[in-house]
């Protein structure tokens, strides 16, 4: 069984991995800017720096709510907040369209964490672009979440699927699968669950999260 300390370490590893590229681009851009004298090239360097800084900030905001204690001290989070975070990541990709179907004004904080992590898994699966559809609604004392990634050659790591359904051995857990493991544990603590289905056309993931553990 994976300890909470091990899981935290793996989540930190995942966060660092995802931030390495934009932060590295910032460092490279600053080095180029220090040696560049041509005005047009300097302007291009500034554009790249601004882009890398924006991507880094967007990812930090995303992971702060997906993994951490962001969203305030209340039990609920405005649904617009996760929408803004997902839209920022989609915009940075440029080849993915977002379909948002969440009518609720607010969502329970655990549901927001599950929704964000499922969306991140779906985005990773759309390596050649496509459509990310996110939906959620509250009914009968629970929040139901559905996330669908559709596009050409959806790429899905089978170990992530095992982490979602609980069949992944603890020793096989990695930074890549830790978020899926985390949200499965969170769902189980609430008395709910997470599931997924993969076809040639799409990856569909869903979760049911009771408002209270039953």
N, C-alpha and C. Protein backbone atom coordinates (compact mmCIF):
# COMPACT_ATOMS: atom_id res chain seq x y z
N UNK A 1 0.84 -1.20 0.00
CA UNK A 1 0.00 0.00 0.00
C UNK A 1 0.88 1.25 0.00
N UNK A 2 0.53 2.22 -0.83
CA UNK A 2 1.31 3.45 -0.93
C UNK A 2 0.97 4.39 0.22
N UNK A 3 1.99 4.89 0.91
CA UNK A 3 1.75 5.81 2.01
C UNK A 3 1.42 7.19 1.47
N UNK A 4 0.83 8.03 2.34
CA UNK A 4 0.50 9.40 1.94
C UNK A 4 1.75 10.18 1.58
N UNK A 5 2.87 9.87 2.25
CA UNK A 5 4.13 10.55 1.95
C UNK A 5 4.63 10.16 0.57
N UNK A 6 4.54 8.88 0.25
CA UNK A 6 4.96 8.42 -1.08
C UNK A 6 4.09 9.05 -2.17
N UNK A 7 2.79 9.11 -1.92
CA UNK A 7 1.88 9.69 -2.91
C UNK A 7 2.18 11.17 -3.11
N UNK A 8 2.42 11.90 -2.02
CA UNK A 8 2.76 13.31 -2.12
C UNK A 8 4.03 13.51 -2.93
N UNK A 9 5.02 12.64 -2.70
CA UNK A 9 6.29 12.74 -3.43
C UNK A 9 6.08 12.50 -4.93
N UNK A 10 5.23 11.53 -5.26
CA UNK A 10 4.96 11.23 -6.67
C UNK A 10 4.19 12.37 -7.34
N UNK A 11 3.26 12.97 -6.61
CA UNK A 11 2.53 14.11 -7.17
C UNK A 11 3.46 15.30 -7.40
N UNK A 12 4.39 15.51 -6.47
CA UNK A 12 5.39 16.58 -6.65
C UNK A 12 6.26 16.29 -7.87
N UNK A 13 6.60 15.02 -8.06
CA UNK A 13 7.39 14.63 -9.22
C UNK A 13 6.64 14.94 -10.51
N UNK A 14 5.34 14.66 -10.52
CA UNK A 14 4.54 14.95 -11.71
C UNK A 14 4.48 16.45 -11.97
N UNK A 15 4.26 17.21 -10.92
CA UNK A 15 4.20 18.66 -11.06
C UNK A 15 5.51 19.21 -11.63
N UNK A 16 6.63 18.76 -11.08
CA UNK A 16 7.93 19.23 -11.56
C UNK A 16 8.16 18.85 -13.01
N UNK A 17 7.74 17.64 -13.38
CA UNK A 17 7.89 17.18 -14.76
C UNK A 17 7.13 18.09 -15.71
N UNK A 18 5.89 18.46 -15.35
CA UNK A 18 5.07 19.27 -16.23
C UNK A 18 5.54 20.72 -16.30
N UNK A 19 6.22 21.18 -15.25
CA UNK A 19 6.70 22.56 -15.24
C UNK A 19 8.09 22.70 -15.85
N UNK A 20 8.79 21.59 -16.04
CA UNK A 20 10.16 21.65 -16.52
C UNK A 20 10.26 22.32 -17.89
N UNK A 21 9.34 21.99 -18.78
CA UNK A 21 9.41 22.53 -20.13
C UNK A 21 9.21 24.05 -20.18
N UNK A 22 8.11 24.60 -19.62
CA UNK A 22 7.94 26.05 -19.70
C UNK A 22 8.98 26.83 -18.89
N UNK A 23 9.38 26.30 -17.74
CA UNK A 23 10.40 26.99 -16.94
C UNK A 23 11.75 26.93 -17.65
N UNK A 24 12.06 25.80 -18.27
CA UNK A 24 13.28 25.69 -19.05
C UNK A 24 13.29 26.66 -20.22
N UNK A 25 12.12 26.84 -20.83
CA UNK A 25 12.02 27.79 -21.94
C UNK A 25 12.27 29.22 -21.47
N UNK A 26 11.83 29.52 -20.25
CA UNK A 26 12.11 30.84 -19.68
C UNK A 26 13.61 31.06 -19.52
N UNK A 27 14.28 30.07 -18.98
CA UNK A 27 15.73 30.17 -18.79
C UNK A 27 16.46 30.33 -20.12
N UNK A 28 16.06 29.53 -21.11
CA UNK A 28 16.70 29.63 -22.42
C UNK A 28 16.45 30.98 -23.07
N UNK A 29 15.23 31.48 -22.90
CA UNK A 29 14.88 32.77 -23.49
C UNK A 29 15.69 33.90 -22.89
N UNK A 30 15.90 33.84 -21.59
CA UNK A 30 16.70 34.87 -20.93
C UNK A 30 18.15 34.84 -21.40
N UNK A 31 18.68 33.63 -21.62
CA UNK A 31 20.05 33.51 -22.12
C UNK A 31 20.17 34.08 -23.52
N UNK A 32 19.19 33.80 -24.36
CA UNK A 32 19.21 34.34 -25.73
C UNK A 32 19.08 35.85 -25.72
N UNK A 33 18.23 36.34 -24.83
CA UNK A 33 18.01 37.79 -24.77
C UNK A 33 19.28 38.53 -24.34
N UNK A 34 20.06 37.92 -23.46
CA UNK A 34 21.27 38.56 -22.97
C UNK A 34 22.30 38.77 -24.08
N UNK A 35 22.30 37.87 -25.08
CA UNK A 35 23.30 37.94 -26.15
C UNK A 35 22.76 38.56 -27.44
N UNK A 36 21.44 38.71 -27.54
CA UNK A 36 20.84 39.16 -28.79
C UNK A 36 20.82 40.69 -28.89
N UNK A 37 21.25 41.21 -30.02
CA UNK A 37 21.27 42.66 -30.25
C UNK A 37 20.24 43.11 -31.27
N UNK A 38 19.84 42.21 -32.15
CA UNK A 38 18.88 42.57 -33.19
C UNK A 38 17.51 42.88 -32.58
N UNK A 39 16.92 44.07 -32.88
CA UNK A 39 15.64 44.46 -32.27
C UNK A 39 14.51 43.47 -32.55
N UNK A 40 14.45 42.96 -33.78
CA UNK A 40 13.37 42.03 -34.11
C UNK A 40 13.50 40.72 -33.35
N UNK A 41 14.73 40.24 -33.24
CA UNK A 41 14.95 39.01 -32.50
C UNK A 41 14.70 39.19 -31.01
N UNK A 42 15.04 40.38 -30.50
CA UNK A 42 14.78 40.65 -29.08
C UNK A 42 13.27 40.70 -28.82
N UNK A 43 12.54 41.26 -29.76
CA UNK A 43 11.08 41.30 -29.62
C UNK A 43 10.51 39.89 -29.62
N UNK A 44 11.07 39.03 -30.47
CA UNK A 44 10.63 37.63 -30.51
C UNK A 44 10.96 36.92 -29.21
N UNK A 45 12.12 37.21 -28.66
CA UNK A 45 12.50 36.62 -27.37
C UNK A 45 11.52 37.01 -26.28
N UNK A 46 11.11 38.29 -26.29
CA UNK A 46 10.15 38.75 -25.28
C UNK A 46 8.81 38.03 -25.43
N UNK A 47 8.40 37.79 -26.69
CA UNK A 47 7.15 37.07 -26.92
C UNK A 47 7.22 35.66 -26.36
N UNK A 48 8.35 34.99 -26.60
CA UNK A 48 8.52 33.63 -26.09
C UNK A 48 8.56 33.60 -24.56
N UNK A 49 9.21 34.61 -23.98
CA UNK A 49 9.27 34.70 -22.52
C UNK A 49 7.87 34.89 -21.93
N UNK A 50 7.09 35.76 -22.55
CA UNK A 50 5.73 36.00 -22.07
C UNK A 50 4.89 34.73 -22.18
N UNK A 51 5.04 34.02 -23.29
CA UNK A 51 4.29 32.78 -23.48
C UNK A 51 4.68 31.73 -22.44
N UNK A 52 5.97 31.55 -22.21
CA UNK A 52 6.44 30.57 -21.24
C UNK A 52 6.00 30.93 -19.83
N UNK A 53 6.05 32.22 -19.51
CA UNK A 53 5.63 32.66 -18.17
C UNK A 53 4.13 32.41 -17.98
N UNK A 54 3.35 32.66 -19.02
CA UNK A 54 1.91 32.44 -18.93
C UNK A 54 1.59 30.95 -18.74
N UNK A 55 2.26 30.10 -19.52
CA UNK A 55 2.03 28.66 -19.40
C UNK A 55 2.42 28.16 -18.01
N UNK A 56 3.56 28.64 -17.50
CA UNK A 56 4.01 28.24 -16.17
C UNK A 56 2.99 28.65 -15.10
N UNK A 57 2.50 29.87 -15.20
CA UNK A 57 1.52 30.36 -14.24
C UNK A 57 0.23 29.58 -14.31
N UNK A 58 -0.24 29.31 -15.53
CA UNK A 58 -1.49 28.56 -15.70
C UNK A 58 -1.37 27.16 -15.11
N UNK A 59 -0.23 26.51 -15.34
CA UNK A 59 -0.06 25.15 -14.82
C UNK A 59 0.03 25.15 -13.29
N UNK A 60 0.71 26.16 -12.74
CA UNK A 60 0.79 26.24 -11.28
C UNK A 60 -0.58 26.44 -10.66
N UNK A 61 -1.40 27.29 -11.25
CA UNK A 61 -2.76 27.51 -10.76
C UNK A 61 -3.58 26.23 -10.86
N UNK A 62 -3.40 25.52 -11.98
CA UNK A 62 -4.14 24.28 -12.18
C UNK A 62 -3.78 23.25 -11.11
N UNK A 63 -2.48 23.01 -10.92
CA UNK A 63 -2.05 21.99 -9.97
C UNK A 63 -2.32 22.41 -8.53
N UNK A 64 -2.33 23.70 -8.27
CA UNK A 64 -2.63 24.17 -6.91
C UNK A 64 -4.04 23.77 -6.49
N UNK A 65 -4.98 23.83 -7.43
CA UNK A 65 -6.35 23.42 -7.12
C UNK A 65 -6.55 21.92 -7.29
N UNK A 66 -5.87 21.33 -8.28
CA UNK A 66 -6.04 19.90 -8.54
C UNK A 66 -5.40 19.03 -7.46
N UNK A 67 -4.27 19.49 -6.90
CA UNK A 67 -3.55 18.71 -5.91
C UNK A 67 -3.61 19.31 -4.51
N UNK A 68 -3.65 20.63 -4.43
CA UNK A 68 -3.46 21.31 -3.17
C UNK A 68 -4.73 21.78 -2.51
N UNK A 69 -4.58 22.85 -1.69
CA UNK A 69 -5.68 23.35 -0.87
C UNK A 69 -6.24 24.66 -1.40
N UNK A 70 -6.05 24.93 -2.69
CA UNK A 70 -6.59 26.17 -3.25
C UNK A 70 -8.11 26.10 -3.28
N UNK A 71 -8.73 27.26 -3.51
CA UNK A 71 -10.18 27.31 -3.58
C UNK A 71 -10.80 27.84 -2.30
N UNK A 72 -9.97 28.29 -1.36
CA UNK A 72 -10.51 28.85 -0.13
C UNK A 72 -10.78 27.77 0.90
N UNK A 73 -11.40 28.18 1.99
CA UNK A 73 -11.63 27.27 3.11
C UNK A 73 -13.04 26.70 3.13
N UNK A 74 -13.86 27.07 2.15
CA UNK A 74 -15.22 26.56 2.10
C UNK A 74 -15.27 25.15 1.55
N UNK A 75 -16.48 24.60 1.53
CA UNK A 75 -16.68 23.24 1.03
C UNK A 75 -16.91 23.22 -0.47
N UNK A 76 -17.16 24.39 -1.07
CA UNK A 76 -17.48 24.44 -2.48
C UNK A 76 -16.58 25.43 -3.21
N UNK A 77 -16.49 25.24 -4.52
CA UNK A 77 -15.69 26.10 -5.39
C UNK A 77 -16.58 26.54 -6.55
N UNK A 78 -16.48 27.80 -6.94
CA UNK A 78 -17.23 28.27 -8.10
C UNK A 78 -16.81 27.47 -9.33
N UNK A 79 -17.78 26.97 -10.09
CA UNK A 79 -17.48 26.14 -11.25
C UNK A 79 -16.68 26.88 -12.31
N UNK A 80 -16.78 28.20 -12.30
CA UNK A 80 -16.02 28.99 -13.27
C UNK A 80 -14.52 28.85 -13.07
N UNK A 81 -14.10 28.59 -11.82
CA UNK A 81 -12.66 28.48 -11.55
C UNK A 81 -12.01 27.30 -12.26
N UNK A 82 -12.51 26.07 -12.12
CA UNK A 82 -11.91 24.99 -12.89
C UNK A 82 -12.07 25.18 -14.39
N UNK A 83 -13.16 25.79 -14.81
CA UNK A 83 -13.34 26.05 -16.24
C UNK A 83 -12.23 26.94 -16.77
N UNK A 84 -11.94 28.02 -16.05
CA UNK A 84 -10.87 28.94 -16.47
C UNK A 84 -9.52 28.22 -16.55
N UNK A 85 -9.25 27.35 -15.58
CA UNK A 85 -7.98 26.64 -15.56
C UNK A 85 -7.85 25.68 -16.74
N UNK A 86 -8.93 24.95 -17.03
CA UNK A 86 -8.90 24.02 -18.15
C UNK A 86 -8.82 24.77 -19.48
N UNK A 87 -9.55 25.86 -19.59
CA UNK A 87 -9.50 26.66 -20.82
C UNK A 87 -8.09 27.17 -21.09
N UNK A 88 -7.37 27.54 -20.04
CA UNK A 88 -6.01 28.04 -20.21
C UNK A 88 -5.09 26.95 -20.76
N UNK A 89 -5.22 25.73 -20.23
CA UNK A 89 -4.38 24.64 -20.73
C UNK A 89 -4.76 24.26 -22.16
N UNK A 90 -6.04 24.29 -22.46
CA UNK A 90 -6.48 23.99 -23.83
C UNK A 90 -5.95 25.04 -24.80
N UNK A 91 -6.02 26.31 -24.40
CA UNK A 91 -5.54 27.39 -25.27
C UNK A 91 -4.06 27.26 -25.54
N UNK A 92 -3.29 26.81 -24.56
CA UNK A 92 -1.85 26.66 -24.73
C UNK A 92 -1.53 25.55 -25.72
N UNK A 93 -2.42 24.56 -25.84
CA UNK A 93 -2.19 23.45 -26.76
C UNK A 93 -2.44 23.88 -28.21
N UNK A 94 -3.53 24.57 -28.46
CA UNK A 94 -3.82 25.08 -29.80
C UNK A 94 -4.49 24.10 -30.73
N UNK A 95 -4.52 22.80 -30.38
CA UNK A 95 -5.12 21.81 -31.29
C UNK A 95 -6.29 21.07 -30.64
N UNK A 96 -6.75 21.60 -29.51
CA UNK A 96 -7.83 20.95 -28.77
C UNK A 96 -8.98 21.93 -28.56
N UNK A 97 -10.19 21.45 -28.80
CA UNK A 97 -11.39 22.25 -28.56
C UNK A 97 -12.04 21.78 -27.27
N UNK A 98 -12.54 22.72 -26.49
CA UNK A 98 -13.19 22.40 -25.21
C UNK A 98 -14.70 22.54 -25.33
N UNK A 99 -15.40 21.50 -24.87
CA UNK A 99 -16.85 21.56 -24.75
C UNK A 99 -17.18 21.48 -23.27
N UNK A 100 -17.76 22.52 -22.73
CA UNK A 100 -18.02 22.62 -21.29
C UNK A 100 -19.51 22.48 -21.04
N UNK A 101 -19.90 21.51 -20.24
CA UNK A 101 -21.31 21.26 -19.95
C UNK A 101 -21.51 21.12 -18.45
N UNK A 102 -21.22 22.18 -17.73
CA UNK A 102 -21.42 22.22 -16.28
C UNK A 102 -22.35 23.38 -15.98
N UNK A 103 -23.58 23.06 -15.66
CA UNK A 103 -24.57 24.11 -15.40
C UNK A 103 -24.53 24.60 -13.96
N UNK A 104 -23.92 23.82 -13.08
CA UNK A 104 -23.88 24.18 -11.66
C UNK A 104 -23.03 25.43 -11.45
N UNK A 105 -23.50 26.31 -10.55
CA UNK A 105 -22.72 27.51 -10.22
C UNK A 105 -21.53 27.16 -9.33
N UNK A 106 -21.72 26.17 -8.47
CA UNK A 106 -20.67 25.75 -7.55
C UNK A 106 -20.59 24.22 -7.53
N UNK A 107 -19.40 23.73 -7.21
CA UNK A 107 -19.19 22.30 -7.09
C UNK A 107 -18.44 22.01 -5.79
N UNK A 108 -18.70 20.86 -5.18
CA UNK A 108 -17.93 20.49 -3.98
C UNK A 108 -16.44 20.44 -4.32
N UNK A 109 -15.60 20.83 -3.37
CA UNK A 109 -14.16 20.87 -3.63
C UNK A 109 -13.60 19.51 -4.06
N UNK A 110 -14.00 18.39 -3.44
CA UNK A 110 -13.49 17.10 -3.93
C UNK A 110 -13.86 16.84 -5.38
N UNK A 111 -15.07 17.24 -5.78
CA UNK A 111 -15.51 17.03 -7.16
C UNK A 111 -14.66 17.86 -8.12
N UNK A 112 -14.28 19.05 -7.70
CA UNK A 112 -13.43 19.90 -8.55
C UNK A 112 -12.07 19.24 -8.74
N UNK A 113 -11.51 18.67 -7.69
CA UNK A 113 -10.21 18.00 -7.81
C UNK A 113 -10.30 16.81 -8.77
N UNK A 114 -11.36 16.03 -8.65
CA UNK A 114 -11.53 14.89 -9.54
C UNK A 114 -11.73 15.37 -10.98
N UNK A 115 -12.56 16.38 -11.16
CA UNK A 115 -12.81 16.90 -12.50
C UNK A 115 -11.52 17.40 -13.16
N UNK A 116 -10.73 18.16 -12.42
CA UNK A 116 -9.48 18.70 -12.98
C UNK A 116 -8.51 17.59 -13.34
N UNK A 117 -8.38 16.61 -12.49
CA UNK A 117 -7.43 15.52 -12.76
C UNK A 117 -7.89 14.66 -13.92
N UNK A 118 -9.18 14.40 -14.02
CA UNK A 118 -9.68 13.66 -15.18
C UNK A 118 -9.47 14.46 -16.46
N UNK A 119 -9.68 15.77 -16.39
CA UNK A 119 -9.44 16.61 -17.56
C UNK A 119 -7.98 16.59 -17.97
N UNK A 120 -7.07 16.59 -16.98
CA UNK A 120 -5.64 16.55 -17.29
C UNK A 120 -5.26 15.23 -17.96
N UNK A 121 -5.84 14.12 -17.48
CA UNK A 121 -5.59 12.83 -18.10
C UNK A 121 -6.09 12.83 -19.54
N UNK A 122 -7.27 13.40 -19.74
CA UNK A 122 -7.85 13.46 -21.08
C UNK A 122 -7.00 14.32 -22.01
N UNK A 123 -6.50 15.43 -21.51
CA UNK A 123 -5.65 16.30 -22.34
C UNK A 123 -4.37 15.57 -22.76
N UNK A 124 -3.78 14.82 -21.84
CA UNK A 124 -2.58 14.06 -22.16
C UNK A 124 -2.86 13.02 -23.23
N UNK A 125 -4.09 12.52 -23.27
CA UNK A 125 -4.45 11.49 -24.25
C UNK A 125 -4.61 12.05 -25.66
N UNK A 126 -4.85 13.36 -25.77
CA UNK A 126 -5.09 13.99 -27.07
C UNK A 126 -3.77 14.50 -27.65
N UNK A 127 -2.86 13.58 -27.89
CA UNK A 127 -1.52 13.96 -28.36
C UNK A 127 -1.56 14.54 -29.77
N UNK A 128 -2.59 14.22 -30.55
CA UNK A 128 -2.71 14.75 -31.90
C UNK A 128 -3.88 15.73 -32.03
N UNK A 129 -4.33 16.22 -30.89
CA UNK A 129 -5.44 17.16 -30.89
C UNK A 129 -6.78 16.44 -30.87
N UNK A 130 -7.83 17.23 -30.77
CA UNK A 130 -9.17 16.66 -30.74
C UNK A 130 -10.11 17.51 -29.91
N UNK A 131 -11.04 16.86 -29.24
CA UNK A 131 -12.05 17.56 -28.45
C UNK A 131 -12.08 17.03 -27.02
N UNK A 132 -12.06 17.94 -26.09
CA UNK A 132 -12.20 17.61 -24.67
C UNK A 132 -13.58 18.07 -24.23
N UNK A 133 -14.41 17.13 -23.81
CA UNK A 133 -15.75 17.45 -23.32
C UNK A 133 -15.81 17.18 -21.82
N UNK A 134 -16.27 18.18 -21.07
CA UNK A 134 -16.33 18.08 -19.61
C UNK A 134 -17.74 18.39 -19.15
N UNK A 135 -18.31 17.50 -18.38
CA UNK A 135 -19.66 17.72 -17.86
C UNK A 135 -19.75 17.34 -16.40
N UNK A 136 -20.65 17.99 -15.68
CA UNK A 136 -20.87 17.66 -14.27
C UNK A 136 -22.24 18.17 -13.85
N UNK A 137 -22.89 17.41 -12.97
CA UNK A 137 -24.15 17.85 -12.40
C UNK A 137 -24.33 17.25 -11.02
N UNK A 138 -25.11 17.95 -10.22
CA UNK A 138 -25.39 17.48 -8.86
C UNK A 138 -26.84 17.03 -8.79
N UNK A 139 -27.03 15.77 -8.34
CA UNK A 139 -28.38 15.27 -8.17
C UNK A 139 -28.38 14.10 -7.20
N UNK A 140 -29.49 13.95 -6.51
CA UNK A 140 -29.66 12.84 -5.56
C UNK A 140 -28.52 12.74 -4.56
N UNK A 141 -28.04 13.89 -4.10
CA UNK A 141 -27.03 13.90 -3.06
C UNK A 141 -25.64 13.53 -3.51
N UNK A 142 -25.36 13.66 -4.82
CA UNK A 142 -24.04 13.31 -5.33
C UNK A 142 -23.70 14.19 -6.54
N UNK A 143 -22.43 14.28 -6.83
CA UNK A 143 -21.96 14.98 -8.03
C UNK A 143 -21.51 13.94 -9.04
N UNK A 144 -22.06 14.02 -10.24
CA UNK A 144 -21.69 13.11 -11.32
C UNK A 144 -20.82 13.87 -12.32
N UNK A 145 -19.69 13.28 -12.67
CA UNK A 145 -18.72 13.92 -13.55
C UNK A 145 -18.47 13.02 -14.75
N UNK A 146 -18.39 13.62 -15.93
CA UNK A 146 -18.06 12.88 -17.14
C UNK A 146 -17.06 13.68 -17.95
N UNK A 147 -15.98 13.04 -18.37
CA UNK A 147 -14.95 13.69 -19.19
C UNK A 147 -14.67 12.78 -20.39
N UNK A 148 -14.69 13.38 -21.58
CA UNK A 148 -14.50 12.60 -22.81
C UNK A 148 -13.41 13.24 -23.67
N UNK A 149 -12.44 12.44 -24.07
CA UNK A 149 -11.38 12.88 -24.98
C UNK A 149 -11.56 12.15 -26.30
N UNK A 150 -11.82 12.88 -27.36
CA UNK A 150 -12.02 12.26 -28.67
C UNK A 150 -11.13 12.94 -29.70
N UNK A 151 -10.56 12.13 -30.57
CA UNK A 151 -9.65 12.66 -31.57
C UNK A 151 -8.91 11.54 -32.26
N UNK A 152 -8.02 11.88 -33.17
CA UNK A 152 -7.26 10.85 -33.89
C UNK A 152 -6.25 10.15 -32.98
N UNK A 153 -6.31 8.85 -32.93
CA UNK A 153 -5.35 8.04 -32.18
C UNK A 153 -5.19 8.50 -30.74
N UNK A 154 -6.27 8.43 -29.98
CA UNK A 154 -6.22 8.77 -28.56
C UNK A 154 -5.21 7.86 -27.87
N UNK A 155 -4.28 8.47 -27.15
CA UNK A 155 -3.20 7.71 -26.48
C UNK A 155 -3.50 7.65 -24.98
N UNK A 156 -3.61 6.44 -24.46
CA UNK A 156 -3.95 6.27 -23.05
C UNK A 156 -3.07 5.19 -22.44
N UNK A 157 -2.33 5.56 -21.40
CA UNK A 157 -1.47 4.63 -20.69
C UNK A 157 -2.33 3.65 -19.89
N UNK A 158 -2.18 2.36 -20.17
CA UNK A 158 -2.98 1.37 -19.46
C UNK A 158 -2.78 1.39 -17.96
N UNK A 159 -1.60 1.80 -17.49
CA UNK A 159 -1.36 1.87 -16.05
C UNK A 159 -2.19 2.97 -15.39
N UNK A 160 -2.50 4.02 -16.15
CA UNK A 160 -3.40 5.05 -15.61
C UNK A 160 -4.78 4.46 -15.41
N UNK A 161 -5.22 3.65 -16.37
CA UNK A 161 -6.50 2.97 -16.22
C UNK A 161 -6.52 2.06 -15.01
N UNK A 162 -5.42 1.35 -14.78
CA UNK A 162 -5.33 0.47 -13.60
C UNK A 162 -5.35 1.28 -12.31
N UNK A 163 -4.71 2.46 -12.34
CA UNK A 163 -4.72 3.32 -11.15
C UNK A 163 -6.14 3.82 -10.88
N UNK A 164 -6.90 4.08 -11.94
CA UNK A 164 -8.28 4.54 -11.77
C UNK A 164 -9.18 3.44 -11.21
N UNK A 165 -8.98 2.19 -11.67
CA UNK A 165 -9.88 1.14 -11.20
C UNK A 165 -9.33 0.36 -10.01
N UNK A 166 -8.12 0.72 -9.55
CA UNK A 166 -7.58 0.12 -8.35
C UNK A 166 -6.81 -1.17 -8.55
N UNK A 167 -6.52 -1.53 -9.80
CA UNK A 167 -5.82 -2.78 -10.05
C UNK A 167 -4.31 -2.61 -10.23
N UNK A 168 -3.82 -1.38 -10.11
CA UNK A 168 -2.39 -1.14 -10.24
C UNK A 168 -1.68 -1.47 -8.93
N UNK A 169 -0.64 -2.29 -9.01
CA UNK A 169 0.12 -2.64 -7.81
C UNK A 169 0.81 -1.41 -7.25
N UNK A 170 0.90 -1.32 -5.94
CA UNK A 170 1.50 -0.15 -5.29
C UNK A 170 2.91 0.10 -5.78
N UNK A 171 3.66 -0.96 -6.03
CA UNK A 171 5.04 -0.80 -6.48
C UNK A 171 5.16 -0.26 -7.88
N UNK A 172 4.05 -0.27 -8.64
CA UNK A 172 4.06 0.23 -10.02
C UNK A 172 3.63 1.69 -10.11
N UNK A 173 3.26 2.27 -8.99
CA UNK A 173 2.80 3.66 -9.00
C UNK A 173 3.95 4.60 -9.38
N UNK A 174 3.66 5.60 -10.20
CA UNK A 174 4.67 6.55 -10.67
C UNK A 174 4.09 7.95 -10.67
N UNK A 175 4.93 8.92 -11.02
CA UNK A 175 4.43 10.28 -11.12
C UNK A 175 3.33 10.42 -12.15
N UNK A 176 3.38 9.60 -13.19
CA UNK A 176 2.37 9.66 -14.24
C UNK A 176 1.03 9.10 -13.79
N UNK A 177 1.06 8.08 -12.94
CA UNK A 177 -0.19 7.44 -12.50
C UNK A 177 -0.69 7.94 -11.15
N UNK A 178 0.13 8.69 -10.43
CA UNK A 178 -0.25 9.15 -9.09
C UNK A 178 -1.53 9.98 -9.06
N UNK A 179 -1.75 10.91 -10.01
CA UNK A 179 -3.00 11.67 -9.96
C UNK A 179 -4.24 10.78 -10.06
N UNK A 180 -4.19 9.77 -10.93
CA UNK A 180 -5.33 8.85 -11.06
C UNK A 180 -5.53 8.07 -9.76
N UNK A 181 -4.44 7.64 -9.15
CA UNK A 181 -4.52 6.94 -7.88
C UNK A 181 -5.12 7.84 -6.80
N UNK A 182 -4.71 9.10 -6.78
CA UNK A 182 -5.18 10.04 -5.77
C UNK A 182 -6.69 10.24 -5.86
N UNK A 183 -7.21 10.47 -7.08
CA UNK A 183 -8.64 10.76 -7.20
C UNK A 183 -9.48 9.50 -6.96
N UNK A 184 -8.92 8.31 -7.24
CA UNK A 184 -9.65 7.09 -6.90
C UNK A 184 -9.79 6.98 -5.39
N UNK A 185 -8.71 7.25 -4.66
CA UNK A 185 -8.76 7.21 -3.20
C UNK A 185 -9.76 8.24 -2.67
N UNK A 186 -9.74 9.42 -3.26
CA UNK A 186 -10.64 10.48 -2.83
C UNK A 186 -12.10 10.06 -3.04
N UNK A 187 -12.37 9.47 -4.21
CA UNK A 187 -13.73 9.03 -4.50
C UNK A 187 -14.18 7.94 -3.53
N UNK A 188 -13.28 7.01 -3.23
CA UNK A 188 -13.61 5.92 -2.32
C UNK A 188 -13.87 6.44 -0.90
N UNK A 189 -13.11 7.44 -0.49
CA UNK A 189 -13.32 8.02 0.84
C UNK A 189 -14.71 8.62 0.97
N UNK A 190 -15.25 9.11 -0.13
CA UNK A 190 -16.58 9.71 -0.12
C UNK A 190 -17.69 8.69 -0.34
N UNK A 191 -17.30 7.43 -0.57
CA UNK A 191 -18.29 6.41 -0.84
C UNK A 191 -18.70 6.32 -2.29
N UNK A 192 -17.88 6.89 -3.18
CA UNK A 192 -18.17 6.87 -4.61
C UNK A 192 -17.15 6.07 -5.37
N UNK A 193 -16.99 6.40 -6.64
CA UNK A 193 -16.04 5.66 -7.46
C UNK A 193 -15.73 6.37 -8.76
N UNK A 194 -14.71 5.85 -9.44
CA UNK A 194 -14.26 6.38 -10.72
C UNK A 194 -14.19 5.22 -11.71
N UNK A 195 -14.54 5.48 -12.97
CA UNK A 195 -14.46 4.45 -13.98
C UNK A 195 -14.05 5.06 -15.31
N UNK A 196 -13.65 4.19 -16.26
CA UNK A 196 -13.25 4.68 -17.57
C UNK A 196 -13.58 3.63 -18.62
N UNK A 197 -13.65 4.09 -19.87
CA UNK A 197 -13.84 3.20 -21.01
C UNK A 197 -13.04 3.77 -22.18
N UNK A 198 -12.33 2.89 -22.86
CA UNK A 198 -11.48 3.30 -23.99
C UNK A 198 -11.92 2.55 -25.24
N UNK A 199 -12.16 3.32 -26.31
CA UNK A 199 -12.50 2.73 -27.60
C UNK A 199 -11.57 3.31 -28.65
N UNK A 200 -11.75 2.91 -29.89
CA UNK A 200 -10.92 3.43 -30.95
C UNK A 200 -11.15 4.89 -31.23
N UNK A 201 -12.27 5.42 -30.75
CA UNK A 201 -12.64 6.80 -31.04
C UNK A 201 -12.46 7.74 -29.87
N UNK A 202 -12.54 7.22 -28.67
CA UNK A 202 -12.53 8.14 -27.52
C UNK A 202 -12.15 7.44 -26.22
N UNK A 203 -11.72 8.27 -25.28
CA UNK A 203 -11.52 7.88 -23.90
C UNK A 203 -12.60 8.58 -23.08
N UNK A 204 -13.39 7.79 -22.37
CA UNK A 204 -14.46 8.36 -21.54
C UNK A 204 -14.20 7.99 -20.09
N UNK A 205 -14.20 8.97 -19.21
CA UNK A 205 -14.01 8.74 -17.78
C UNK A 205 -15.14 9.37 -17.00
N UNK A 206 -15.53 8.74 -15.92
CA UNK A 206 -16.61 9.27 -15.13
C UNK A 206 -16.40 9.03 -13.65
N UNK A 207 -17.09 9.79 -12.84
CA UNK A 207 -17.00 9.64 -11.39
C UNK A 207 -18.34 10.01 -10.77
N UNK A 208 -18.66 9.31 -9.71
CA UNK A 208 -19.83 9.66 -8.88
C UNK A 208 -19.32 9.89 -7.47
N UNK A 209 -19.57 11.09 -6.96
CA UNK A 209 -19.04 11.48 -5.65
C UNK A 209 -20.17 11.91 -4.73
N UNK A 210 -20.56 11.07 -3.79
CA UNK A 210 -21.59 11.46 -2.83
C UNK A 210 -21.14 12.69 -2.04
N UNK A 211 -22.12 13.50 -1.65
CA UNK A 211 -21.79 14.69 -0.88
C UNK A 211 -21.14 14.34 0.45
N UNK A 212 -21.50 13.21 1.02
CA UNK A 212 -20.90 12.74 2.26
C UNK A 212 -20.66 11.24 2.13
N UNK A 213 -19.59 10.79 2.80
CA UNK A 213 -19.33 9.35 2.81
C UNK A 213 -20.50 8.65 3.45
N UNK A 214 -20.93 7.61 2.75
CA UNK A 214 -22.12 6.96 3.27
C UNK A 214 -21.84 5.68 3.96
